[in-house]
């Protein structure tokens, strides 16, 4: 048993009137003790549920991210014309709406903007469709690669994926607790804000509930991330909705710009979001979209691709971003990008 962790557990788990907010240093220590396995399973489970009930604060999440920075993987800076976009998405995937993110990442990388993704396998309690499965379905398997290999692939293709079981097994060891306590613990919020890149970048934070946006603002500011974008996206992802207003916060050192965008204003609106009816159907439709066929995914790819091509600096306006996304979809550029990534991965697997 960790006596140091027990003291931290007592601080967050002492009830409504006597529990206290951890300092950033205390939260970092708690994170390190959990990730290193020094805290016992009973202590870790108790801490997660107690902290969920108490509700985490930005200063605590900043401390946990300090522990991630100390013990987790970090991709090193690469040469590029644009700052990298680091997408923070819920690791437990999607179950109701069709994801646009892989198409967006391919568009950005094909246009020269570096993209960093991170995630795991099927994850409790939602067990939705995770990113790694989508990439595997289109012929890109990010699993089983070393961090050195990912760094090289990232430099060569402008796209990198950190797979939790391979690149951050300490964090992967905490995943089973989600099933055991039956809830997503506050540590799950870290996956929306974690920036495993040492270079110039912009962090994209997806969220569902407005308080999460406030947590992200406070946390990222505390750890010195000055460029980030918050998106009230589909199922907490960075995918902009088309059936309702897209609420976006653009954060820079000079302040925040608030955007409220409507897809209908760009002839891309829909009375409802594109559903994820079955995973097999979605993956088949995704492949058709990549091959230039008319599919229900085209509109969400144009809406999201246009926005992120604009926010990355590749285009000077949202309208131009949509036009560029349309050009990329109608050409074979995305298929070429997939082949480039496949070749880079194959070289490392055969080495």
Protein backbone atom coordinates (compact mmCIF):
# COMPACT_ATOMS: atom_id res chain seq x y z
CA UNK A 1 0.00 0.00 0.00
CA UNK A 2 1.18 3.52 -0.80
CA UNK A 3 0.88 5.69 2.29
CA UNK A 4 1.54 8.80 0.20
CA UNK A 5 -1.35 7.90 -2.11
CA UNK A 6 -3.60 7.15 0.85
CA UNK A 7 -3.13 10.73 2.05
CA UNK A 8 -4.10 12.05 -1.38
CA UNK A 9 -7.11 9.73 -1.49
CA UNK A 10 -8.26 11.00 1.90
CA UNK A 11 -8.06 14.55 0.63
CA UNK A 12 -10.40 13.98 -2.35
CA UNK A 13 -12.60 11.35 -0.72
CA UNK A 14 -13.53 12.93 2.60
CA UNK A 15 -17.05 13.87 1.63
CA UNK A 16 -18.96 16.89 0.40
CA UNK A 17 -17.96 19.24 3.17
CA UNK A 18 -14.39 18.22 4.00
CA UNK A 19 -12.86 17.05 0.71
CA UNK A 20 -10.35 19.43 -0.83
CA UNK A 21 -8.89 20.28 -4.22
CA UNK A 22 -5.46 18.80 -4.84
CA UNK A 23 -2.66 21.17 -5.68
CA UNK A 24 -1.05 20.73 -9.08
CA UNK A 25 1.95 19.07 -7.42
CA UNK A 26 -0.30 16.71 -5.44
CA UNK A 27 -2.27 15.78 -8.55
CA UNK A 28 0.96 15.11 -10.42
CA UNK A 29 2.09 12.87 -7.57
CA UNK A 30 -1.25 11.03 -7.60
CA UNK A 31 -0.95 10.51 -11.35
CA UNK A 32 2.57 9.21 -11.05
CA UNK A 33 1.62 6.79 -8.28
CA UNK A 34 -1.28 5.42 -10.31
CA UNK A 35 0.65 5.17 -13.57
CA UNK A 36 3.63 3.52 -11.90
CA UNK A 37 1.46 0.98 -10.09
CA UNK A 38 2.72 2.05 -6.68
CA UNK A 39 -0.85 2.75 -5.63
CA UNK A 40 -2.82 -0.46 -5.06
CA UNK A 41 -5.84 -1.42 -7.20
CA UNK A 42 -8.14 -0.70 -4.26
CA UNK A 43 -6.60 2.74 -3.84
CA UNK A 44 -6.81 3.54 -7.55
CA UNK A 45 -10.44 2.48 -7.87
CA UNK A 46 -11.42 4.39 -4.74
CA UNK A 47 -9.59 7.50 -5.95
CA UNK A 48 -11.25 7.42 -9.37
CA UNK A 49 -14.79 7.17 -8.08
CA UNK A 50 -14.20 9.66 -5.25
CA UNK A 51 -12.66 12.15 -7.65
CA UNK A 52 -15.56 11.71 -10.07
CA UNK A 53 -18.05 12.44 -7.31
CA UNK A 54 -16.07 15.47 -6.11
CA UNK A 55 -15.57 16.71 -9.70
CA UNK A 56 -12.05 17.47 -10.93
CA UNK A 57 -10.69 21.00 -11.16
CA UNK A 58 -8.42 22.43 -13.84
CA UNK A 59 -5.45 22.62 -11.49
CA UNK A 60 -5.81 18.90 -10.77
CA UNK A 61 -6.06 17.96 -14.44
CA UNK A 62 -2.97 20.08 -15.08
CA UNK A 63 -1.14 18.01 -12.47
CA UNK A 64 -2.26 14.75 -14.06
CA UNK A 65 -1.03 16.00 -17.44
CA UNK A 66 2.31 16.78 -15.77
CA UNK A 67 2.47 13.08 -14.87
CA UNK A 68 1.60 12.18 -18.47
CA UNK A 69 4.38 14.44 -19.70
CA UNK A 70 6.87 12.79 -17.34
CA UNK A 71 5.93 9.15 -17.91
CA UNK A 72 4.22 9.12 -21.32
CA UNK A 73 5.44 9.27 -24.93
CA UNK A 74 6.14 12.51 -26.79
CA UNK A 75 6.64 12.97 -30.51
CA UNK A 76 9.44 15.36 -31.37
CA UNK A 77 9.09 18.42 -33.63
CA UNK A 78 9.15 17.94 -37.39
CA UNK A 79 9.62 20.44 -40.20
CA UNK A 80 6.31 21.53 -41.71
CA UNK A 81 4.64 24.56 -43.26
CA UNK A 82 1.90 24.58 -40.63
CA UNK A 83 1.64 23.93 -36.89
CA UNK A 84 0.52 20.40 -36.09
CA UNK A 85 -3.07 19.71 -35.10
CA UNK A 86 -3.38 17.39 -32.10
CA UNK A 87 -6.89 15.93 -31.89
CA UNK A 88 -8.30 14.98 -28.49
CA UNK A 89 -11.19 12.55 -28.92
CA UNK A 90 -12.97 10.27 -26.43
CA UNK A 91 -11.14 6.96 -26.49
CA UNK A 92 -14.38 5.00 -26.06
CA UNK A 93 -15.31 5.77 -29.64
CA UNK A 94 -18.55 6.38 -31.51
CA UNK A 95 -21.82 4.48 -31.39
CA UNK A 96 -24.51 6.79 -32.82
CA UNK A 97 -23.03 9.06 -35.51
CA UNK A 98 -20.68 8.42 -38.42
CA UNK A 99 -17.13 9.70 -37.76
CA UNK A 100 -15.53 12.19 -40.15
CA UNK A 101 -12.17 12.37 -38.36
CA UNK A 102 -10.10 9.90 -40.45
CA UNK A 103 -11.12 11.71 -43.63
CA UNK A 104 -10.21 15.04 -42.01
CA UNK A 105 -6.79 13.75 -40.95
CA UNK A 106 -6.04 12.44 -44.43
CA UNK A 107 -7.05 15.77 -45.97
CA UNK A 108 -4.84 17.74 -43.61
CA UNK A 109 -1.83 15.46 -44.03
CA UNK A 110 -2.22 15.40 -47.82
CA UNK A 111 -2.24 19.23 -47.79
CA UNK A 112 0.92 19.38 -45.66
CA UNK A 113 -0.46 19.96 -42.16
CA UNK A 114 0.89 17.52 -39.53
CA UNK A 115 -1.75 15.62 -37.56
CA UNK A 116 -1.32 13.70 -34.31
CA UNK A 117 -3.96 11.28 -33.05
CA UNK A 118 -3.96 9.11 -29.96
CA UNK A 119 -6.25 6.42 -28.60
CA UNK A 120 -6.69 2.80 -27.66
CA UNK A 121 -8.73 -0.25 -28.53
CA UNK A 122 -12.38 -0.90 -27.64
CA UNK A 123 -12.83 0.81 -24.34
CA UNK A 124 -15.39 0.73 -21.53
CA UNK A 125 -17.95 1.72 -20.72
CA UNK A 126 -19.25 2.71 -24.14
CA UNK A 127 -17.22 0.30 -26.29
CA UNK A 128 -17.86 2.43 -29.36
CA UNK A 129 -16.02 2.25 -32.66
CA UNK A 130 -12.45 3.47 -31.93
CA UNK A 131 -10.18 5.27 -34.36
CA UNK A 132 -7.66 2.44 -34.52
CA UNK A 133 -10.30 0.08 -35.93
CA UNK A 134 -11.32 2.59 -38.61
CA UNK A 135 -7.72 3.02 -39.72
CA UNK A 136 -7.21 -0.74 -39.85
CA UNK A 137 -10.32 -1.08 -42.03
CA UNK A 138 -8.84 1.26 -44.64
CA UNK A 139 -5.53 -0.57 -44.61
CA UNK A 140 -3.50 1.37 -42.05
CA UNK A 141 -2.52 -0.59 -38.94
CA UNK A 142 -0.97 1.64 -36.29
CA UNK A 143 -0.59 -1.15 -33.73
CA UNK A 144 2.62 -2.95 -32.81
CA UNK A 145 4.90 -0.12 -33.92
CA UNK A 146 7.61 1.41 -31.76
CA UNK A 147 7.59 5.07 -30.81
CA UNK A 148 10.69 5.50 -32.98
CA UNK A 149 8.76 4.07 -35.93
CA UNK A 150 5.80 6.38 -35.31
CA UNK A 151 8.18 9.37 -35.18
CA UNK A 152 9.67 8.39 -38.54
CA UNK A 153 6.25 7.77 -40.14
CA UNK A 154 5.04 11.10 -38.79
CA UNK A 155 8.01 12.92 -40.30
CA UNK A 156 7.52 11.22 -43.67
CA UNK A 157 3.73 11.35 -44.00
CA UNK A 158 2.65 14.19 -41.65
CA UNK A 159 0.37 11.76 -39.79
CA UNK A 160 1.15 10.02 -36.51
CA UNK A 161 -0.93 7.86 -34.19
CA UNK A 162 0.01 7.00 -30.62
CA UNK A 163 -1.61 3.71 -29.63
CA UNK A 164 -2.08 3.51 -25.87
CA UNK A 165 -1.26 -0.22 -25.42
CA UNK A 166 1.94 0.13 -27.46
CA UNK A 167 3.19 3.59 -26.53
CA UNK A 168 1.77 4.31 -23.08
CA UNK A 169 1.15 0.97 -21.34
CA UNK A 170 1.11 2.71 -17.95
CA UNK A 171 -2.01 4.64 -18.99
CA UNK A 172 -3.44 1.51 -20.61
CA UNK A 173 -3.17 -0.24 -17.23
CA UNK A 174 -5.80 2.17 -15.86
CA UNK A 175 -8.36 1.37 -18.58
CA UNK A 176 -9.89 -1.72 -16.86
CA UNK A 177 -10.95 0.47 -13.92
CA UNK A 178 -13.49 2.13 -16.19
CA UNK A 179 -15.33 -1.15 -16.47
CA UNK A 180 -14.91 -2.04 -12.83
CA UNK A 181 -16.29 1.23 -11.49
CA UNK A 182 -18.92 1.44 -14.25
CA UNK A 183 -18.16 5.06 -15.09
CA UNK A 184 -15.67 7.13 -17.05
CA UNK A 185 -13.31 8.50 -14.39
CA UNK A 186 -11.96 12.06 -14.48
CA UNK A 187 -8.74 10.67 -15.96
CA UNK A 188 -10.76 10.00 -19.12
CA UNK A 189 -11.07 13.76 -19.55
CA UNK A 190 -7.30 13.89 -20.01
CA UNK A 191 -7.58 12.16 -23.37
CA UNK A 192 -9.34 15.26 -24.70
CA UNK A 193 -6.51 17.57 -23.62
CA UNK A 194 -3.32 15.51 -23.75
CA UNK A 195 -0.74 16.95 -26.16
CA UNK A 196 2.01 14.36 -26.80
CA UNK A 197 3.94 16.65 -29.15
CA UNK A 198 6.94 18.84 -28.36
CA UNK A 199 6.62 21.08 -31.41
CA UNK A 200 4.45 24.00 -32.52
CA UNK A 201 0.87 22.84 -32.46
CA UNK A 202 -2.78 23.54 -31.86
CA UNK A 203 -4.77 21.19 -29.62
CA UNK A 204 -8.33 20.35 -30.72
CA UNK A 205 -10.58 19.48 -27.77
CA UNK A 206 -13.92 17.82 -28.40
CA UNK A 207 -16.56 17.87 -25.67
CA UNK A 208 -20.23 17.25 -24.92
CA UNK A 209 -21.00 19.11 -21.69
CA UNK A 210 -20.22 22.84 -21.35
CA UNK A 211 -18.35 22.39 -18.02
CA UNK A 212 -15.80 20.27 -19.88
CA UNK A 213 -14.97 23.21 -22.10
CA UNK A 214 -14.26 25.33 -19.03
CA UNK A 215 -12.05 22.60 -17.62
CA UNK A 216 -10.12 22.45 -20.89
CA UNK A 217 -9.64 26.21 -20.95
CA UNK A 218 -8.27 26.29 -17.41
CA UNK A 219 -6.17 23.14 -17.77
CA UNK A 220 -4.49 23.96 -21.07
CA UNK A 221 -3.80 27.52 -19.99
CA UNK A 222 -2.21 26.20 -16.78
CA UNK A 223 0.20 23.89 -18.61
CA UNK A 224 1.18 26.56 -21.12
CA UNK A 225 -0.76 25.49 -24.22
CA UNK A 226 -1.66 28.82 -25.79
CA UNK A 227 -3.25 27.68 -29.06
CA UNK A 228 -6.25 25.38 -28.78
CA UNK A 229 -9.74 24.97 -30.19
CA UNK A 230 -12.76 23.64 -28.33
CA UNK A 231 -15.56 22.00 -30.29
CA UNK A 232 -18.98 20.97 -28.98
CA UNK A 233 -18.83 18.02 -31.30
CA UNK A 234 -20.68 14.81 -32.07
CA UNK A 235 -20.47 12.37 -29.15
CA UNK A 236 -17.75 14.52 -27.61
CA UNK A 237 -15.52 14.31 -30.68
CA UNK A 238 -14.03 17.09 -32.78
CA UNK A 239 -16.57 16.44 -35.56
CA UNK A 240 -18.75 19.48 -36.19
CA UNK A 241 -22.50 18.79 -36.18
CA UNK A 242 -24.62 19.56 -39.23
CA UNK A 243 -28.11 19.31 -37.72
CA UNK A 244 -27.47 21.97 -35.07
CA UNK A 245 -25.16 24.91 -34.54
CA UNK A 246 -21.46 24.14 -34.29
CA UNK A 247 -20.15 25.93 -31.19
CA UNK A 248 -16.42 26.54 -31.36
CA UNK A 249 -13.89 28.39 -29.22
CA UNK A 250 -10.66 29.56 -30.85
CA UNK A 251 -8.06 30.26 -28.15
CA UNK A 252 -4.84 32.16 -28.81
CA UNK A 253 -2.48 34.19 -26.61
CA UNK A 254 -4.52 37.29 -27.50
CA UNK A 255 -7.80 35.84 -26.26
CA UNK A 256 -10.80 33.78 -27.33
CA UNK A 257 -12.86 34.03 -30.50
CA UNK A 258 -16.30 32.44 -30.34
CA UNK A 259 -17.74 30.92 -33.50
CA UNK A 260 -21.27 29.65 -34.05
CA UNK A 261 -21.46 28.00 -37.46
CA UNK A 262 -24.45 26.53 -39.27
CA UNK A 263 -23.88 23.95 -41.99
CA UNK A 264 -27.07 25.08 -43.74
CA UNK A 265 -25.41 28.42 -44.49
CA UNK A 266 -22.92 26.50 -46.65
CA UNK A 267 -25.49 24.16 -48.25
CA UNK A 268 -24.17 21.29 -46.13
CA UNK A 269 -26.87 21.15 -43.47
CA UNK A 270 -29.01 18.18 -42.55
CA UNK A 271 -32.17 17.69 -40.48
CA UNK A 272 -30.31 14.95 -38.59
CA UNK A 273 -26.76 13.71 -38.20
CA UNK A 274 -25.47 10.92 -40.41
CA UNK A 275 -26.12 7.80 -38.33
CA UNK A 276 -23.70 5.00 -37.55
CA UNK A 277 -26.23 2.30 -38.36
CA UNK A 278 -23.77 -0.58 -38.39
CA UNK A 279 -20.01 -0.47 -38.25
CA UNK A 280 -19.67 -2.66 -41.34
CA UNK A 281 -21.92 -0.35 -43.34
CA UNK A 282 -20.01 2.72 -42.18
CA UNK A 283 -16.63 1.22 -43.08
CA UNK A 284 -17.92 0.23 -46.51
CA UNK A 285 -19.28 3.73 -47.07
CA UNK A 286 -16.00 5.23 -45.91
CA UNK A 287 -14.11 3.19 -48.49
CA UNK A 288 -16.54 4.31 -51.21
CA UNK A 289 -16.03 7.93 -50.16
CA UNK A 290 -12.26 7.56 -50.40
CA UNK A 291 -12.72 6.11 -53.89
CA UNK A 292 -14.63 9.19 -55.03
CA UNK A 293 -18.15 7.77 -54.97
CA UNK A 294 -21.16 9.82 -53.87
CA UNK A 295 -21.99 8.79 -50.31
CA UNK A 296 -23.69 10.20 -47.19
CA UNK A 297 -20.21 10.81 -45.73
CA UNK A 298 -19.30 13.38 -48.36
CA UNK A 299 -21.22 16.23 -46.74
CA UNK A 300 -19.75 15.65 -43.27
CA UNK A 301 -16.28 15.32 -44.82
CA UNK A 302 -16.69 18.65 -46.64
CA UNK A 303 -18.09 20.40 -43.56
CA UNK A 304 -15.40 19.14 -41.21
CA UNK A 305 -12.55 19.05 -43.69
CA UNK A 306 -13.31 22.59 -44.80
CA UNK A 307 -13.27 23.86 -41.24
CA UNK A 308 -9.98 22.23 -40.24
CA UNK A 309 -8.26 23.11 -43.52
CA UNK A 310 -9.16 26.70 -42.70
CA UNK A 311 -8.20 26.53 -39.01
CA UNK A 312 -4.85 24.93 -39.87
CA UNK A 313 -3.94 27.89 -42.06
CA UNK A 314 -3.95 25.93 -45.31
CA UNK A 315 -6.79 28.08 -46.67
CA UNK A 316 -7.59 31.70 -45.94
CA UNK A 317 -11.34 31.23 -45.46
CA UNK A 318 -13.85 28.59 -44.46
CA UNK A 319 -15.39 28.74 -47.94
CA UNK A 320 -11.99 28.10 -49.51
CA UNK A 321 -11.49 25.25 -47.04
CA UNK A 322 -14.68 23.57 -48.23
CA UNK A 323 -13.59 24.03 -51.85
CA UNK A 324 -10.20 22.48 -51.08
CA UNK A 325 -11.86 19.59 -49.26
CA UNK A 326 -14.05 19.01 -52.30
CA UNK A 327 -11.00 18.93 -54.56
CA UNK A 328 -9.24 16.46 -52.29
CA UNK A 329 -12.28 14.16 -52.16
CA UNK A 330 -12.81 14.22 -55.92
CA UNK A 331 -9.17 13.43 -56.67
CA UNK A 332 -7.03 10.46 -55.68
CA UNK A 333 -4.99 12.50 -53.17
CA UNK A 334 -6.43 10.74 -50.12
CA UNK A 335 -5.81 7.30 -51.63
CA UNK A 336 -2.23 8.39 -52.39
CA UNK A 337 -1.84 9.54 -48.79
CA UNK A 338 -3.06 6.17 -47.54
CA UNK A 339 -0.54 4.39 -49.77
CA UNK A 340 2.23 6.68 -48.53
CA UNK A 341 1.41 5.79 -44.92
CA UNK A 342 1.11 2.09 -45.74
CA UNK A 343 4.52 2.12 -47.38
CA UNK A 344 6.09 3.92 -44.43
CA UNK A 345 4.58 1.45 -41.97
CA UNK A 346 5.62 -1.53 -44.12
CA UNK A 347 9.23 -0.35 -44.13
CA UNK A 348 9.32 -0.33 -40.33
CA UNK A 349 7.61 -3.69 -39.98
CA UNK A 350 10.14 -5.30 -42.33
CA UNK A 351 13.15 -3.62 -40.72
